N, C-alpha and C. Protein backbone atom coordinates (compact mmCIF):
# COMPACT_ATOMS: atom_id res chain seq x y z
N MET A 1 15.76 -11.83 4.96
CA MET A 1 15.20 -10.57 4.53
C MET A 1 13.70 -10.74 4.28
N LYS A 2 12.95 -9.71 4.67
CA LYS A 2 11.50 -9.68 4.48
C LYS A 2 11.18 -8.51 3.56
N ARG A 3 10.64 -8.81 2.40
CA ARG A 3 10.41 -7.78 1.39
C ARG A 3 8.91 -7.58 1.15
N ILE A 4 8.52 -6.30 1.09
CA ILE A 4 7.14 -5.94 0.75
C ILE A 4 7.17 -5.16 -0.56
N ILE A 5 6.31 -5.58 -1.48
CA ILE A 5 6.12 -4.79 -2.69
C ILE A 5 5.14 -3.68 -2.34
N VAL A 6 5.51 -2.45 -2.67
CA VAL A 6 4.67 -1.29 -2.40
C VAL A 6 4.27 -0.69 -3.74
N GLY A 7 2.98 -0.75 -4.04
CA GLY A 7 2.47 -0.17 -5.27
C GLY A 7 1.71 1.10 -4.97
N ALA A 8 1.71 2.03 -5.92
CA ALA A 8 0.96 3.27 -5.75
C ALA A 8 0.28 3.61 -7.06
N THR A 9 -0.98 4.03 -6.97
CA THR A 9 -1.74 4.42 -8.15
C THR A 9 -2.02 5.92 -8.10
N GLY A 10 -2.77 6.40 -9.07
CA GLY A 10 -3.01 7.84 -9.18
C GLY A 10 -4.08 8.40 -8.29
N ALA A 11 -4.70 7.57 -7.46
CA ALA A 11 -5.72 8.08 -6.54
C ALA A 11 -5.08 9.02 -5.53
N SER A 12 -5.88 9.90 -4.98
CA SER A 12 -5.39 10.81 -3.95
C SER A 12 -5.01 10.01 -2.70
N GLY A 13 -3.97 10.46 -2.01
CA GLY A 13 -3.54 9.79 -0.79
C GLY A 13 -2.08 9.41 -0.79
N LEU A 14 -1.29 10.04 -1.66
CA LEU A 14 0.11 9.65 -1.76
C LEU A 14 0.98 10.02 -0.56
N PRO A 15 0.58 10.96 0.31
CA PRO A 15 1.34 11.11 1.55
C PRO A 15 1.39 9.82 2.37
N LEU A 16 0.35 8.99 2.25
CA LEU A 16 0.35 7.69 2.93
C LEU A 16 1.46 6.80 2.41
N LEU A 17 1.70 6.84 1.10
CA LEU A 17 2.78 6.07 0.50
C LEU A 17 4.12 6.45 1.12
N ILE A 18 4.35 7.74 1.27
CA ILE A 18 5.61 8.22 1.83
C ILE A 18 5.80 7.65 3.23
N ASP A 19 4.75 7.70 4.06
CA ASP A 19 4.86 7.16 5.42
C ASP A 19 5.06 5.65 5.42
N VAL A 20 4.39 4.93 4.51
CA VAL A 20 4.58 3.48 4.43
C VAL A 20 6.05 3.17 4.13
N LEU A 21 6.62 3.85 3.15
CA LEU A 21 8.03 3.61 2.81
C LEU A 21 8.95 3.97 3.96
N ARG A 22 8.66 5.05 4.66
CA ARG A 22 9.50 5.46 5.79
C ARG A 22 9.42 4.45 6.94
N ILE A 23 8.23 3.93 7.20
CA ILE A 23 8.08 2.95 8.28
C ILE A 23 8.82 1.66 7.93
N ILE A 24 8.74 1.23 6.68
CA ILE A 24 9.50 0.05 6.28
C ILE A 24 10.99 0.31 6.45
N ARG A 25 11.43 1.49 6.06
CA ARG A 25 12.85 1.86 6.21
C ARG A 25 13.25 1.88 7.69
N GLU A 26 12.35 2.35 8.57
CA GLU A 26 12.62 2.35 10.02
C GLU A 26 12.83 0.93 10.55
N ASN A 27 12.28 -0.05 9.87
CA ASN A 27 12.36 -1.45 10.30
C ASN A 27 13.43 -2.24 9.53
N ALA A 28 14.34 -1.54 8.88
CA ALA A 28 15.40 -2.20 8.11
C ALA A 28 16.28 -3.08 8.99
N ASP A 29 16.52 -2.66 10.22
CA ASP A 29 17.35 -3.47 11.13
C ASP A 29 16.70 -4.81 11.45
N ASP A 30 15.38 -4.89 11.28
CA ASP A 30 14.66 -6.15 11.49
C ASP A 30 14.54 -6.94 10.19
N GLY A 31 15.23 -6.48 9.14
CA GLY A 31 15.27 -7.22 7.89
C GLY A 31 14.25 -6.81 6.84
N TRP A 32 13.47 -5.75 7.09
CA TRP A 32 12.43 -5.35 6.14
C TRP A 32 13.02 -4.52 5.00
N ARG A 33 12.54 -4.80 3.79
CA ARG A 33 12.93 -4.09 2.58
C ARG A 33 11.69 -3.80 1.75
N SER A 34 11.78 -2.78 0.89
CA SER A 34 10.64 -2.42 0.04
C SER A 34 11.04 -2.42 -1.43
N THR A 35 10.09 -2.86 -2.25
CA THR A 35 10.20 -2.77 -3.71
C THR A 35 9.04 -1.90 -4.17
N LEU A 36 9.34 -0.80 -4.83
CA LEU A 36 8.35 0.20 -5.19
C LEU A 36 7.96 0.11 -6.66
N ILE A 37 6.65 0.19 -6.92
CA ILE A 37 6.12 0.29 -8.28
C ILE A 37 5.13 1.45 -8.30
N LEU A 38 5.48 2.52 -8.99
CA LEU A 38 4.61 3.69 -9.12
C LEU A 38 3.91 3.64 -10.47
N SER A 39 2.59 3.70 -10.48
CA SER A 39 1.88 3.78 -11.76
C SER A 39 2.20 5.12 -12.41
N ASP A 40 1.95 5.21 -13.71
CA ASP A 40 2.21 6.47 -14.41
C ASP A 40 1.43 7.62 -13.79
N SER A 41 0.15 7.40 -13.51
CA SER A 41 -0.68 8.48 -12.96
C SER A 41 -0.27 8.84 -11.54
N SER A 42 0.26 7.89 -10.79
CA SER A 42 0.70 8.20 -9.42
C SER A 42 1.87 9.18 -9.45
N GLN A 43 2.67 9.11 -10.50
CA GLN A 43 3.84 9.99 -10.57
C GLN A 43 3.43 11.45 -10.72
N THR A 44 2.32 11.71 -11.40
CA THR A 44 1.79 13.07 -11.51
C THR A 44 1.15 13.50 -10.20
N THR A 45 0.31 12.64 -9.64
CA THR A 45 -0.37 12.95 -8.38
C THR A 45 0.63 13.14 -7.25
N LEU A 46 1.69 12.37 -7.26
CA LEU A 46 2.72 12.43 -6.22
C LEU A 46 3.30 13.84 -6.11
N GLN A 47 3.68 14.40 -7.22
CA GLN A 47 4.27 15.73 -7.19
C GLN A 47 3.26 16.78 -6.74
N TRP A 48 2.00 16.61 -7.13
CA TRP A 48 0.95 17.55 -6.76
C TRP A 48 0.67 17.51 -5.26
N GLU A 49 0.56 16.29 -4.69
CA GLU A 49 0.15 16.15 -3.30
C GLU A 49 1.29 16.29 -2.29
N THR A 50 2.49 15.91 -2.68
CA THR A 50 3.58 15.88 -1.70
C THR A 50 4.69 16.89 -1.97
N GLY A 51 4.77 17.39 -3.19
CA GLY A 51 5.87 18.27 -3.56
C GLY A 51 7.17 17.53 -3.79
N LEU A 52 7.14 16.21 -3.67
CA LEU A 52 8.34 15.40 -3.87
C LEU A 52 8.43 14.94 -5.32
N SER A 53 9.64 14.78 -5.79
CA SER A 53 9.83 14.24 -7.14
C SER A 53 9.77 12.72 -7.09
N VAL A 54 9.60 12.12 -8.23
CA VAL A 54 9.60 10.66 -8.32
C VAL A 54 10.93 10.11 -7.81
N SER A 55 12.03 10.76 -8.17
CA SER A 55 13.34 10.27 -7.70
C SER A 55 13.48 10.39 -6.18
N ASP A 56 12.89 11.43 -5.58
CA ASP A 56 12.90 11.56 -4.11
C ASP A 56 12.23 10.35 -3.47
N VAL A 57 11.09 9.96 -4.01
CA VAL A 57 10.32 8.85 -3.44
C VAL A 57 11.02 7.53 -3.70
N ARG A 58 11.58 7.37 -4.88
CA ARG A 58 12.31 6.13 -5.17
C ARG A 58 13.48 5.93 -4.22
N GLU A 59 14.07 7.02 -3.75
CA GLU A 59 15.17 6.92 -2.79
C GLU A 59 14.72 6.36 -1.45
N LEU A 60 13.44 6.45 -1.14
CA LEU A 60 12.92 5.89 0.11
C LEU A 60 12.76 4.38 0.03
N ALA A 61 12.73 3.84 -1.19
CA ALA A 61 12.57 2.40 -1.39
C ALA A 61 13.94 1.74 -1.55
N ASP A 62 13.98 0.44 -1.28
CA ASP A 62 15.23 -0.29 -1.46
C ASP A 62 15.49 -0.59 -2.93
N ASP A 63 14.44 -0.84 -3.70
CA ASP A 63 14.54 -0.91 -5.15
C ASP A 63 13.20 -0.56 -5.75
N TRP A 64 13.18 -0.32 -7.05
CA TRP A 64 11.96 0.12 -7.70
C TRP A 64 11.94 -0.34 -9.15
N TYR A 65 10.73 -0.40 -9.68
CA TYR A 65 10.53 -0.78 -11.08
C TYR A 65 9.49 0.13 -11.71
N GLU A 66 9.61 0.31 -13.02
CA GLU A 66 8.60 1.02 -13.79
C GLU A 66 7.41 0.08 -14.00
N PRO A 67 6.21 0.62 -14.11
CA PRO A 67 5.05 -0.25 -14.32
C PRO A 67 5.08 -0.98 -15.65
N THR A 68 5.85 -0.47 -16.60
CA THR A 68 5.95 -1.11 -17.91
C THR A 68 6.90 -2.30 -17.92
N GLU A 69 7.66 -2.51 -16.85
CA GLU A 69 8.63 -3.61 -16.79
C GLU A 69 7.92 -4.91 -16.41
N ILE A 70 7.07 -5.39 -17.30
CA ILE A 70 6.23 -6.54 -17.01
C ILE A 70 7.03 -7.82 -16.81
N GLY A 71 8.27 -7.86 -17.28
CA GLY A 71 9.11 -9.04 -17.08
C GLY A 71 10.04 -8.93 -15.89
N ALA A 72 9.86 -7.91 -15.05
CA ALA A 72 10.73 -7.71 -13.89
C ALA A 72 10.46 -8.77 -12.81
N ARG A 73 11.33 -8.84 -11.85
CA ARG A 73 11.25 -9.87 -10.80
C ARG A 73 9.90 -9.94 -10.08
N PRO A 74 9.26 -8.80 -9.72
CA PRO A 74 7.97 -8.91 -9.02
C PRO A 74 6.86 -9.56 -9.84
N ALA A 75 7.09 -9.79 -11.14
CA ALA A 75 6.08 -10.44 -11.99
C ALA A 75 6.06 -11.95 -11.81
N SER A 76 6.96 -12.47 -10.98
CA SER A 76 7.05 -13.92 -10.80
C SER A 76 6.85 -14.31 -9.35
N GLY A 77 6.18 -15.42 -9.15
CA GLY A 77 6.01 -15.96 -7.81
C GLY A 77 7.31 -16.43 -7.19
N SER A 78 8.35 -16.59 -8.00
CA SER A 78 9.65 -17.00 -7.46
C SER A 78 10.40 -15.83 -6.82
N TYR A 79 9.89 -14.61 -6.99
CA TYR A 79 10.49 -13.44 -6.33
C TYR A 79 10.04 -13.47 -4.88
N PRO A 80 10.98 -13.65 -3.95
CA PRO A 80 10.57 -13.84 -2.55
C PRO A 80 10.08 -12.54 -1.90
N THR A 81 8.81 -12.51 -1.58
CA THR A 81 8.24 -11.36 -0.87
C THR A 81 7.37 -11.86 0.28
N THR A 82 7.16 -10.98 1.23
CA THR A 82 6.24 -11.26 2.33
C THR A 82 4.81 -10.93 1.93
N GLY A 83 4.66 -10.01 0.98
CA GLY A 83 3.34 -9.60 0.52
C GLY A 83 3.42 -8.28 -0.20
N MET A 84 2.27 -7.62 -0.32
CA MET A 84 2.18 -6.38 -1.09
C MET A 84 1.14 -5.46 -0.47
N VAL A 85 1.42 -4.16 -0.57
CA VAL A 85 0.45 -3.14 -0.19
C VAL A 85 0.33 -2.18 -1.36
N VAL A 86 -0.91 -1.80 -1.70
CA VAL A 86 -1.15 -0.81 -2.74
C VAL A 86 -1.76 0.40 -2.05
N VAL A 87 -1.01 1.51 -2.06
CA VAL A 87 -1.40 2.70 -1.32
C VAL A 87 -1.02 3.96 -2.10
N PRO A 88 -1.97 4.72 -2.53
CA PRO A 88 -3.40 4.45 -2.56
C PRO A 88 -3.75 3.50 -3.70
N CYS A 89 -4.91 2.90 -3.60
CA CYS A 89 -5.40 1.97 -4.61
C CYS A 89 -6.64 2.58 -5.27
N SER A 90 -6.50 2.97 -6.53
CA SER A 90 -7.63 3.54 -7.26
C SER A 90 -8.66 2.47 -7.57
N MET A 91 -9.85 2.89 -7.91
CA MET A 91 -10.90 1.94 -8.27
C MET A 91 -10.56 1.23 -9.58
N LYS A 92 -9.83 1.90 -10.47
CA LYS A 92 -9.37 1.26 -11.70
C LYS A 92 -8.43 0.10 -11.38
N THR A 93 -7.49 0.34 -10.47
CA THR A 93 -6.55 -0.72 -10.08
C THR A 93 -7.29 -1.82 -9.34
N LEU A 94 -8.20 -1.45 -8.46
CA LEU A 94 -9.01 -2.45 -7.75
C LEU A 94 -9.73 -3.35 -8.74
N ALA A 95 -10.33 -2.75 -9.77
CA ALA A 95 -11.05 -3.53 -10.79
C ALA A 95 -10.10 -4.43 -11.56
N GLY A 96 -8.90 -3.92 -11.86
CA GLY A 96 -7.92 -4.74 -12.56
C GLY A 96 -7.48 -5.93 -11.73
N ILE A 97 -7.24 -5.71 -10.44
CA ILE A 97 -6.85 -6.81 -9.55
C ILE A 97 -8.00 -7.80 -9.44
N HIS A 98 -9.21 -7.29 -9.28
CA HIS A 98 -10.39 -8.15 -9.15
C HIS A 98 -10.56 -9.06 -10.35
N SER A 99 -10.32 -8.53 -11.54
CA SER A 99 -10.55 -9.32 -12.76
C SER A 99 -9.31 -10.10 -13.21
N GLY A 100 -8.18 -9.92 -12.52
CA GLY A 100 -6.96 -10.60 -12.93
C GLY A 100 -6.36 -10.02 -14.19
N TYR A 101 -6.67 -8.77 -14.46
CA TYR A 101 -6.20 -8.09 -15.67
C TYR A 101 -4.82 -7.48 -15.41
N ALA A 102 -3.79 -8.26 -15.63
CA ALA A 102 -2.43 -7.87 -15.27
C ALA A 102 -1.73 -7.17 -16.44
N GLU A 103 -2.22 -5.99 -16.81
CA GLU A 103 -1.68 -5.28 -17.96
C GLU A 103 -0.38 -4.53 -17.67
N ASN A 104 0.00 -4.39 -16.41
CA ASN A 104 1.25 -3.72 -16.06
C ASN A 104 1.86 -4.43 -14.85
N LEU A 105 3.05 -4.00 -14.47
CA LEU A 105 3.76 -4.70 -13.40
C LEU A 105 3.05 -4.59 -12.06
N LEU A 106 2.43 -3.46 -11.77
CA LEU A 106 1.72 -3.31 -10.50
C LEU A 106 0.58 -4.33 -10.41
N LEU A 107 -0.22 -4.42 -11.47
CA LEU A 107 -1.32 -5.38 -11.47
C LEU A 107 -0.82 -6.81 -11.47
N ARG A 108 0.25 -7.08 -12.21
CA ARG A 108 0.81 -8.43 -12.23
C ARG A 108 1.35 -8.81 -10.86
N ALA A 109 2.03 -7.88 -10.18
CA ALA A 109 2.57 -8.17 -8.85
C ALA A 109 1.43 -8.49 -7.87
N ALA A 110 0.32 -7.76 -7.97
CA ALA A 110 -0.84 -8.05 -7.11
C ALA A 110 -1.42 -9.42 -7.45
N ASP A 111 -1.50 -9.73 -8.74
CA ASP A 111 -2.00 -11.03 -9.18
C ASP A 111 -1.13 -12.16 -8.64
N VAL A 112 0.18 -11.97 -8.71
CA VAL A 112 1.13 -12.97 -8.19
C VAL A 112 0.97 -13.10 -6.67
N THR A 113 0.81 -11.98 -5.99
CA THR A 113 0.64 -12.01 -4.53
C THR A 113 -0.57 -12.85 -4.16
N ILE A 114 -1.66 -12.68 -4.89
CA ILE A 114 -2.87 -13.47 -4.62
C ILE A 114 -2.64 -14.94 -4.92
N LYS A 115 -2.07 -15.24 -6.09
CA LYS A 115 -1.91 -16.66 -6.46
C LYS A 115 -0.92 -17.38 -5.55
N GLU A 116 0.03 -16.65 -5.00
CA GLU A 116 0.99 -17.24 -4.07
C GLU A 116 0.47 -17.24 -2.64
N GLN A 117 -0.75 -16.73 -2.45
CA GLN A 117 -1.43 -16.67 -1.15
C GLN A 117 -0.61 -15.91 -0.11
N ARG A 118 -0.08 -14.78 -0.55
CA ARG A 118 0.63 -13.87 0.35
C ARG A 118 -0.30 -12.72 0.70
N PRO A 119 -0.07 -12.04 1.81
CA PRO A 119 -0.94 -10.91 2.17
C PRO A 119 -0.91 -9.80 1.12
N LEU A 120 -2.09 -9.29 0.81
CA LEU A 120 -2.25 -8.16 -0.10
C LEU A 120 -3.17 -7.15 0.57
N VAL A 121 -2.64 -5.96 0.84
CA VAL A 121 -3.41 -4.89 1.49
C VAL A 121 -3.70 -3.83 0.44
N LEU A 122 -4.98 -3.50 0.27
CA LEU A 122 -5.41 -2.51 -0.70
C LEU A 122 -6.00 -1.32 0.03
N CYS A 123 -5.31 -0.19 -0.03
CA CYS A 123 -5.77 1.04 0.62
C CYS A 123 -6.61 1.80 -0.41
N THR A 124 -7.87 1.42 -0.48
CA THR A 124 -8.78 1.95 -1.50
C THR A 124 -9.15 3.39 -1.22
N ARG A 125 -9.18 4.19 -2.30
CA ARG A 125 -9.47 5.62 -2.19
C ARG A 125 -10.57 6.00 -3.17
N GLU A 126 -11.75 6.19 -2.65
CA GLU A 126 -12.87 6.70 -3.45
C GLU A 126 -14.01 7.02 -2.51
N SER A 127 -14.80 8.02 -2.88
CA SER A 127 -15.99 8.35 -2.11
C SER A 127 -16.87 9.27 -2.95
N PRO A 128 -18.15 8.99 -3.04
CA PRO A 128 -18.83 7.81 -2.52
C PRO A 128 -18.48 6.57 -3.35
N LEU A 129 -18.82 5.43 -2.80
CA LEU A 129 -18.55 4.16 -3.47
C LEU A 129 -19.77 3.71 -4.26
N SER A 130 -19.54 3.24 -5.47
CA SER A 130 -20.64 2.73 -6.29
C SER A 130 -20.86 1.25 -5.96
N PRO A 131 -21.99 0.69 -6.38
CA PRO A 131 -22.20 -0.74 -6.18
C PRO A 131 -21.10 -1.59 -6.84
N ILE A 132 -20.56 -1.11 -7.95
CA ILE A 132 -19.47 -1.84 -8.61
C ILE A 132 -18.23 -1.86 -7.72
N HIS A 133 -17.87 -0.71 -7.15
CA HIS A 133 -16.72 -0.64 -6.24
C HIS A 133 -16.91 -1.59 -5.06
N LEU A 134 -18.09 -1.52 -4.46
CA LEU A 134 -18.36 -2.35 -3.29
C LEU A 134 -18.33 -3.84 -3.62
N ARG A 135 -18.85 -4.19 -4.79
CA ARG A 135 -18.84 -5.60 -5.20
C ARG A 135 -17.40 -6.08 -5.42
N ASN A 136 -16.58 -5.25 -6.09
CA ASN A 136 -15.18 -5.61 -6.29
C ASN A 136 -14.46 -5.80 -4.96
N MET A 137 -14.70 -4.89 -4.02
CA MET A 137 -14.06 -4.99 -2.70
C MET A 137 -14.54 -6.23 -1.97
N GLN A 138 -15.84 -6.48 -2.00
CA GLN A 138 -16.38 -7.63 -1.28
C GLN A 138 -15.81 -8.93 -1.84
N GLU A 139 -15.78 -9.05 -3.15
CA GLU A 139 -15.28 -10.29 -3.75
C GLU A 139 -13.78 -10.46 -3.51
N LEU A 140 -13.01 -9.39 -3.60
CA LEU A 140 -11.58 -9.50 -3.30
C LEU A 140 -11.34 -9.85 -1.84
N SER A 141 -12.13 -9.26 -0.94
CA SER A 141 -11.91 -9.51 0.49
C SER A 141 -12.25 -10.94 0.89
N SER A 142 -12.95 -11.66 0.02
CA SER A 142 -13.25 -13.07 0.32
C SER A 142 -12.08 -13.99 -0.03
N ILE A 143 -11.06 -13.46 -0.68
CA ILE A 143 -9.86 -14.24 -1.01
C ILE A 143 -8.93 -14.23 0.20
N PRO A 144 -8.49 -15.40 0.66
CA PRO A 144 -7.59 -15.43 1.82
C PRO A 144 -6.36 -14.54 1.61
N GLY A 145 -6.07 -13.72 2.60
CA GLY A 145 -4.90 -12.85 2.55
C GLY A 145 -5.15 -11.46 2.03
N VAL A 146 -6.27 -11.24 1.34
CA VAL A 146 -6.57 -9.92 0.79
C VAL A 146 -7.31 -9.10 1.84
N ARG A 147 -6.81 -7.91 2.09
CA ARG A 147 -7.45 -6.99 3.04
C ARG A 147 -7.75 -5.67 2.35
N ILE A 148 -8.96 -5.22 2.49
CA ILE A 148 -9.36 -3.91 2.00
C ILE A 148 -9.27 -2.96 3.19
N MET A 149 -8.38 -1.98 3.11
CA MET A 149 -8.16 -1.07 4.23
C MET A 149 -8.20 0.38 3.75
N PRO A 150 -9.41 0.95 3.64
CA PRO A 150 -9.49 2.37 3.27
C PRO A 150 -8.76 3.22 4.32
N PRO A 151 -8.27 4.37 3.93
CA PRO A 151 -7.52 5.21 4.87
C PRO A 151 -8.44 5.93 5.85
N VAL A 152 -8.98 5.16 6.79
CA VAL A 152 -9.90 5.70 7.78
C VAL A 152 -9.12 6.00 9.06
N MET A 153 -9.20 7.23 9.50
CA MET A 153 -8.47 7.58 10.72
C MET A 153 -9.27 7.18 11.96
N ASN A 154 -8.54 6.94 13.04
CA ASN A 154 -9.24 6.74 14.31
C ASN A 154 -9.25 8.07 15.04
N PHE A 155 -10.29 8.31 15.78
CA PHE A 155 -10.39 9.58 16.50
C PHE A 155 -9.86 9.50 17.92
N TYR A 156 -9.67 8.27 18.42
CA TYR A 156 -9.16 8.13 19.78
C TYR A 156 -7.67 8.47 19.87
N GLY A 157 -7.00 8.61 18.74
CA GLY A 157 -5.59 8.97 18.74
C GLY A 157 -5.34 10.43 19.07
N HIS A 158 -6.41 11.24 19.01
CA HIS A 158 -6.31 12.68 19.31
C HIS A 158 -5.14 13.33 18.57
N TYR A 159 -5.14 13.18 17.26
CA TYR A 159 -4.05 13.71 16.45
C TYR A 159 -4.09 15.23 16.43
N THR A 160 -2.93 15.82 16.37
CA THR A 160 -2.83 17.28 16.33
C THR A 160 -2.43 17.79 14.96
N SER A 161 -2.19 16.86 14.02
CA SER A 161 -1.80 17.28 12.67
C SER A 161 -2.20 16.22 11.65
N ILE A 162 -2.28 16.64 10.41
CA ILE A 162 -2.55 15.70 9.32
C ILE A 162 -1.41 14.69 9.22
N GLU A 163 -0.19 15.14 9.48
CA GLU A 163 0.97 14.25 9.41
C GLU A 163 0.85 13.11 10.42
N GLU A 164 0.40 13.41 11.63
CA GLU A 164 0.20 12.35 12.64
C GLU A 164 -0.88 11.38 12.18
N MET A 165 -1.94 11.92 11.58
CA MET A 165 -3.04 11.08 11.11
C MET A 165 -2.56 10.15 9.99
N THR A 166 -1.85 10.68 9.00
CA THR A 166 -1.40 9.83 7.89
C THR A 166 -0.40 8.79 8.38
N TYR A 167 0.45 9.15 9.32
CA TYR A 167 1.41 8.19 9.87
C TYR A 167 0.67 7.04 10.56
N SER A 168 -0.38 7.38 11.30
CA SER A 168 -1.17 6.36 11.99
C SER A 168 -1.83 5.41 11.00
N ILE A 169 -2.37 5.96 9.92
CA ILE A 169 -3.01 5.12 8.90
C ILE A 169 -1.97 4.23 8.23
N ALA A 170 -0.81 4.79 7.91
CA ALA A 170 0.26 4.00 7.29
C ALA A 170 0.70 2.87 8.21
N ALA A 171 0.78 3.15 9.50
CA ALA A 171 1.15 2.10 10.46
C ALA A 171 0.13 0.97 10.46
N ARG A 172 -1.15 1.31 10.38
CA ARG A 172 -2.20 0.29 10.33
C ARG A 172 -2.12 -0.53 9.04
N LEU A 173 -1.77 0.11 7.94
CA LEU A 173 -1.64 -0.61 6.67
C LEU A 173 -0.55 -1.68 6.73
N LEU A 174 0.48 -1.43 7.52
CA LEU A 174 1.60 -2.37 7.62
C LEU A 174 1.43 -3.38 8.75
N SER A 175 0.44 -3.18 9.61
CA SER A 175 0.26 -4.10 10.74
C SER A 175 -0.01 -5.54 10.32
N PRO A 176 -0.69 -5.82 9.19
CA PRO A 176 -0.88 -7.23 8.81
C PRO A 176 0.42 -7.98 8.53
N PHE A 177 1.49 -7.24 8.29
CA PHE A 177 2.79 -7.86 8.02
C PHE A 177 3.63 -8.01 9.29
N GLY A 178 3.13 -7.49 10.40
CA GLY A 178 3.88 -7.54 11.65
C GLY A 178 4.93 -6.45 11.77
N ILE A 179 4.80 -5.41 10.98
CA ILE A 179 5.73 -4.28 11.04
C ILE A 179 5.22 -3.28 12.06
N THR A 180 6.09 -2.85 12.93
CA THR A 180 5.71 -1.87 13.95
C THR A 180 6.23 -0.49 13.56
N ALA A 181 5.50 0.52 13.97
CA ALA A 181 5.86 1.90 13.68
C ALA A 181 6.10 2.64 14.99
N SER A 182 7.26 3.27 15.09
CA SER A 182 7.55 4.03 16.30
C SER A 182 6.58 5.21 16.39
N GLY A 183 6.07 5.45 17.55
CA GLY A 183 5.16 6.57 17.74
C GLY A 183 3.71 6.29 17.39
N TYR A 184 3.40 5.09 16.92
CA TYR A 184 2.02 4.77 16.59
C TYR A 184 1.23 4.56 17.87
N ARG A 185 0.08 5.26 17.97
CA ARG A 185 -0.78 5.14 19.14
C ARG A 185 -2.01 4.32 18.79
N GLY A 186 -1.97 3.06 19.12
CA GLY A 186 -3.13 2.20 18.92
C GLY A 186 -4.09 2.31 20.10
N TRP A 187 -5.17 1.59 20.01
CA TRP A 187 -6.17 1.60 21.07
C TRP A 187 -5.59 0.98 22.33
N GLU A 188 -5.71 1.70 23.44
CA GLU A 188 -5.17 1.22 24.72
C GLU A 188 -6.27 0.85 25.70
N GLY A 189 -7.51 1.02 25.32
CA GLY A 189 -8.61 0.69 26.20
C GLY A 189 -9.10 1.89 26.99
N LEU A 190 -10.36 1.86 27.37
CA LEU A 190 -10.95 2.97 28.11
C LEU A 190 -10.35 3.12 29.50
N GLU A 191 -9.94 2.00 30.08
CA GLU A 191 -9.40 2.06 31.45
C GLU A 191 -8.08 2.82 31.52
N GLU A 192 -7.39 3.00 30.38
CA GLU A 192 -6.12 3.72 30.37
C GLU A 192 -6.30 5.23 30.40
N ARG A 193 -7.50 5.72 30.16
CA ARG A 193 -7.73 7.18 30.09
C ARG A 193 -7.96 7.75 31.46
């Protein structure tokens, strides 16, 4: 079994979380599983942006934990995971990960992912970026396995809907783990046009 911890914070972009969980679920036959940790603020933003309840989203995950469960399995390096993705990742969470401030389970799971040298993908959401944000991203990206992946769409995909765009971004967020998404249109080269 290959397990990814999926964390979500209160930053805008929670439709991406839904697609990430669905893509992992699509790959269940290949052994992929998800463990979900929703921050308190993400639970409010989730209902606003997606119209889904917290229980609806938890049903998309294989298991889930509250952020207050600091003693839960994802808080330990002995919990077998392939890595972690935080989508969306607020600047507050980014700063907490950067400083090693593991005040809740989401931050602790990210801290464990780094110390165990497993892949950690941070889908950062903020604009414009301050020098502090950029410094935190730069320093985190220098750690082996940490990837900063803002939700930037590609225009060569010629998307016809926001849903296609978010699905494409979610697929890219999972590509460092070797997870494939059905229907994802990556770059095929100019000669293919």
